Amino acid sequence: MEEENDISILNLIEKNISKIKASHNPLKKASYIAVVEKLCEAYQEQLNAELINTSVSDKHIKVNTRLDGKEIN
């Protein structure tokens, strides 16, 4: 699911960049740039959430593992 969100956000960023390149209207360009900025912020938040989840998972694994690497039941 997260990977699908990555692709969707990145696709939207790409589409809006194409619109910026194609547009000759400065107001539309500014609008597309604002959308790209918001999409980048959303993507950054998603990446941060994934990093936090990964970090929590790693800590859980470490807590359930003995010094010799065997898992504690």
N, C-alpha and C. Protein backbone atom coordinates (compact mmCIF):
# COMPACT_ATOMS: atom_id res chain seq x y z
N MET A 1 0.82 -1.19 0.00
CA MET A 1 0.00 0.00 0.00
C MET A 1 0.87 1.25 0.00
N GLU A 2 1.90 1.28 0.87
CA GLU A 2 2.77 2.44 0.92
C GLU A 2 3.48 2.64 -0.42
N GLU A 3 3.87 1.55 -1.05
CA GLU A 3 4.55 1.65 -2.34
C GLU A 3 3.61 2.24 -3.39
N GLU A 4 2.34 1.86 -3.36
CA GLU A 4 1.36 2.43 -4.29
C GLU A 4 1.21 3.93 -4.05
N ASN A 5 1.19 4.34 -2.78
CA ASN A 5 1.12 5.76 -2.46
C ASN A 5 2.32 6.50 -2.98
N ASP A 6 3.52 5.89 -2.84
CA ASP A 6 4.74 6.51 -3.37
C ASP A 6 4.59 6.77 -4.86
N ILE A 7 4.15 5.75 -5.58
CA ILE A 7 4.01 5.86 -7.03
C ILE A 7 2.97 6.91 -7.39
N SER A 8 1.86 6.93 -6.67
CA SER A 8 0.81 7.91 -6.95
C SER A 8 1.30 9.34 -6.72
N ILE A 9 1.95 9.57 -5.59
CA ILE A 9 2.46 10.91 -5.30
C ILE A 9 3.52 11.31 -6.32
N LEU A 10 4.42 10.41 -6.61
CA LEU A 10 5.47 10.72 -7.58
C LEU A 10 4.90 10.96 -8.97
N ASN A 11 3.88 10.20 -9.34
CA ASN A 11 3.23 10.42 -10.64
C ASN A 11 2.56 11.78 -10.69
N LEU A 12 1.91 12.18 -9.61
CA LEU A 12 1.27 13.49 -9.57
C LEU A 12 2.31 14.61 -9.65
N ILE A 13 3.42 14.42 -8.98
CA ILE A 13 4.50 15.42 -9.06
C ILE A 13 4.98 15.54 -10.50
N GLU A 14 5.20 14.40 -11.13
CA GLU A 14 5.68 14.37 -12.51
C GLU A 14 4.68 15.05 -13.46
N LYS A 15 3.40 14.75 -13.29
CA LYS A 15 2.37 15.35 -14.15
C LYS A 15 2.33 16.87 -13.99
N ASN A 16 2.45 17.34 -12.75
CA ASN A 16 2.41 18.78 -12.52
C ASN A 16 3.66 19.47 -13.04
N ILE A 17 4.79 18.80 -12.99
CA ILE A 17 6.01 19.36 -13.57
C ILE A 17 5.85 19.49 -15.08
N SER A 18 5.23 18.49 -15.70
CA SER A 18 4.97 18.57 -17.14
C SER A 18 4.05 19.74 -17.47
N LYS A 19 3.06 19.97 -16.61
CA LYS A 19 2.15 21.10 -16.81
C LYS A 19 2.89 22.43 -16.68
N ILE A 20 3.83 22.50 -15.74
CA ILE A 20 4.64 23.71 -15.58
C ILE A 20 5.42 23.99 -16.87
N LYS A 21 6.04 22.94 -17.40
CA LYS A 21 6.85 23.09 -18.61
C LYS A 21 6.00 23.50 -19.81
N ALA A 22 4.77 22.97 -19.88
CA ALA A 22 3.91 23.21 -21.05
C ALA A 22 3.16 24.54 -20.98
N SER A 23 2.97 25.05 -19.79
CA SER A 23 2.14 26.25 -19.62
C SER A 23 2.90 27.52 -19.99
N HIS A 24 2.16 28.46 -20.58
CA HIS A 24 2.72 29.77 -20.91
C HIS A 24 2.12 30.84 -20.01
N ASN A 25 1.20 30.43 -19.14
CA ASN A 25 0.52 31.36 -18.25
C ASN A 25 1.23 31.37 -16.89
N PRO A 26 1.81 32.51 -16.50
CA PRO A 26 2.54 32.57 -15.23
C PRO A 26 1.69 32.22 -14.00
N LEU A 27 0.40 32.58 -14.02
CA LEU A 27 -0.47 32.25 -12.89
C LEU A 27 -0.69 30.75 -12.77
N LYS A 28 -0.88 30.09 -13.91
CA LYS A 28 -1.04 28.63 -13.89
C LYS A 28 0.25 27.96 -13.44
N LYS A 29 1.38 28.47 -13.93
CA LYS A 29 2.67 27.90 -13.51
C LYS A 29 2.83 28.00 -12.00
N ALA A 30 2.49 29.16 -11.44
CA ALA A 30 2.59 29.36 -10.00
C ALA A 30 1.68 28.38 -9.25
N SER A 31 0.51 28.15 -9.80
CA SER A 31 -0.44 27.22 -9.18
C SER A 31 0.12 25.79 -9.21
N TYR A 32 0.67 25.39 -10.34
CA TYR A 32 1.24 24.05 -10.47
C TYR A 32 2.45 23.88 -9.53
N ILE A 33 3.24 24.94 -9.40
CA ILE A 33 4.40 24.88 -8.50
C ILE A 33 3.93 24.69 -7.06
N ALA A 34 2.87 25.40 -6.68
CA ALA A 34 2.33 25.25 -5.32
C ALA A 34 1.85 23.82 -5.08
N VAL A 35 1.23 23.23 -6.09
CA VAL A 35 0.77 21.84 -5.97
C VAL A 35 1.96 20.90 -5.81
N VAL A 36 3.01 21.11 -6.60
CA VAL A 36 4.20 20.27 -6.50
C VAL A 36 4.82 20.40 -5.11
N GLU A 37 4.87 21.62 -4.58
CA GLU A 37 5.42 21.81 -3.23
C GLU A 37 4.62 21.03 -2.19
N LYS A 38 3.30 21.08 -2.28
CA LYS A 38 2.45 20.34 -1.33
C LYS A 38 2.63 18.83 -1.48
N LEU A 39 2.73 18.38 -2.72
CA LEU A 39 2.94 16.95 -2.96
C LEU A 39 4.30 16.49 -2.40
N CYS A 40 5.30 17.33 -2.54
CA CYS A 40 6.63 17.00 -1.99
C CYS A 40 6.57 16.93 -0.47
N GLU A 41 5.83 17.84 0.14
CA GLU A 41 5.66 17.81 1.60
C GLU A 41 4.96 16.53 2.03
N ALA A 42 3.93 16.14 1.29
CA ALA A 42 3.20 14.91 1.62
C ALA A 42 4.11 13.69 1.47
N TYR A 43 4.92 13.68 0.43
CA TYR A 43 5.84 12.57 0.21
C TYR A 43 6.88 12.51 1.33
N GLN A 44 7.39 13.68 1.75
CA GLN A 44 8.36 13.72 2.84
C GLN A 44 7.75 13.20 4.14
N GLU A 45 6.51 13.58 4.42
CA GLU A 45 5.83 13.09 5.63
C GLU A 45 5.66 11.57 5.58
N GLN A 46 5.33 11.06 4.40
CA GLN A 46 5.17 9.62 4.25
C GLN A 46 6.50 8.90 4.48
N LEU A 47 7.58 9.44 3.93
CA LEU A 47 8.89 8.84 4.13
C LEU A 47 9.29 8.87 5.61
N ASN A 48 9.01 9.99 6.28
CA ASN A 48 9.31 10.09 7.70
C ASN A 48 8.53 9.05 8.50
N ALA A 49 7.27 8.86 8.18
CA ALA A 49 6.44 7.87 8.87
C ALA A 49 7.00 6.46 8.65
N GLU A 50 7.45 6.18 7.43
CA GLU A 50 8.04 4.87 7.15
C GLU A 50 9.32 4.67 7.95
N LEU A 51 10.12 5.71 8.07
CA LEU A 51 11.36 5.61 8.83
C LEU A 51 11.08 5.36 10.31
N ILE A 52 10.08 6.03 10.84
CA ILE A 52 9.69 5.84 12.24
C ILE A 52 9.21 4.42 12.46
N ASN A 53 8.36 3.92 11.56
CA ASN A 53 7.85 2.55 11.69
C ASN A 53 8.97 1.53 11.61
N THR A 54 9.93 1.76 10.71
CA THR A 54 11.06 0.86 10.58
C THR A 54 11.89 0.87 11.85
N SER A 55 12.09 2.05 12.40
CA SER A 55 12.87 2.19 13.63
C SER A 55 12.20 1.46 14.78
N VAL A 56 10.89 1.58 14.91
CA VAL A 56 10.15 0.90 15.98
C VAL A 56 10.24 -0.61 15.79
N SER A 57 10.12 -1.08 14.57
CA SER A 57 10.21 -2.52 14.30
C SER A 57 11.58 -3.05 14.67
N ASP A 58 12.63 -2.31 14.35
CA ASP A 58 14.00 -2.73 14.69
C ASP A 58 14.17 -2.84 16.18
N LYS A 59 13.63 -1.89 16.94
CA LYS A 59 13.75 -1.92 18.39
C LYS A 59 13.02 -3.13 18.95
N HIS A 60 11.87 -3.45 18.38
CA HIS A 60 11.10 -4.61 18.83
C HIS A 60 11.91 -5.89 18.62
N ILE A 61 12.55 -5.99 17.49
CA ILE A 61 13.35 -7.17 17.19
C ILE A 61 14.52 -7.25 18.17
N LYS A 62 15.17 -6.15 18.44
CA LYS A 62 16.33 -6.15 19.34
C LYS A 62 15.93 -6.53 20.76
N VAL A 63 14.75 -6.11 21.20
CA VAL A 63 14.29 -6.44 22.55
C VAL A 63 14.04 -7.93 22.69
N ASN A 64 13.60 -8.57 21.63
CA ASN A 64 13.28 -9.99 21.66
C ASN A 64 14.45 -10.88 21.25
N THR A 65 15.65 -10.33 21.22
CA THR A 65 16.81 -11.09 20.80
C THR A 65 17.87 -11.08 21.90
N ARG A 66 18.40 -12.25 22.21
CA ARG A 66 19.46 -12.34 23.21
C ARG A 66 20.77 -11.85 22.60
N LEU A 67 21.76 -11.72 23.45
CA LEU A 67 23.08 -11.25 22.99
C LEU A 67 23.69 -12.21 21.98
N ASP A 68 23.38 -13.49 22.10
CA ASP A 68 23.94 -14.46 21.15
C ASP A 68 23.14 -14.54 19.85
N GLY A 69 22.13 -13.67 19.71
CA GLY A 69 21.35 -13.59 18.48
C GLY A 69 20.12 -14.48 18.43
N LYS A 70 19.93 -15.32 19.47
CA LYS A 70 18.76 -16.19 19.50
C LYS A 70 17.54 -15.40 20.01
N GLU A 71 16.40 -15.76 19.48
CA GLU A 71 15.17 -15.06 19.85
C GLU A 71 14.64 -15.54 21.20
N ILE A 72 14.15 -14.60 22.00
CA ILE A 72 13.55 -14.91 23.29
C ILE A 72 12.07 -15.12 23.09
N ASN A 73 11.54 -16.21 23.62
CA ASN A 73 10.10 -16.50 23.46
C ASN A 73 9.29 -15.91 24.59
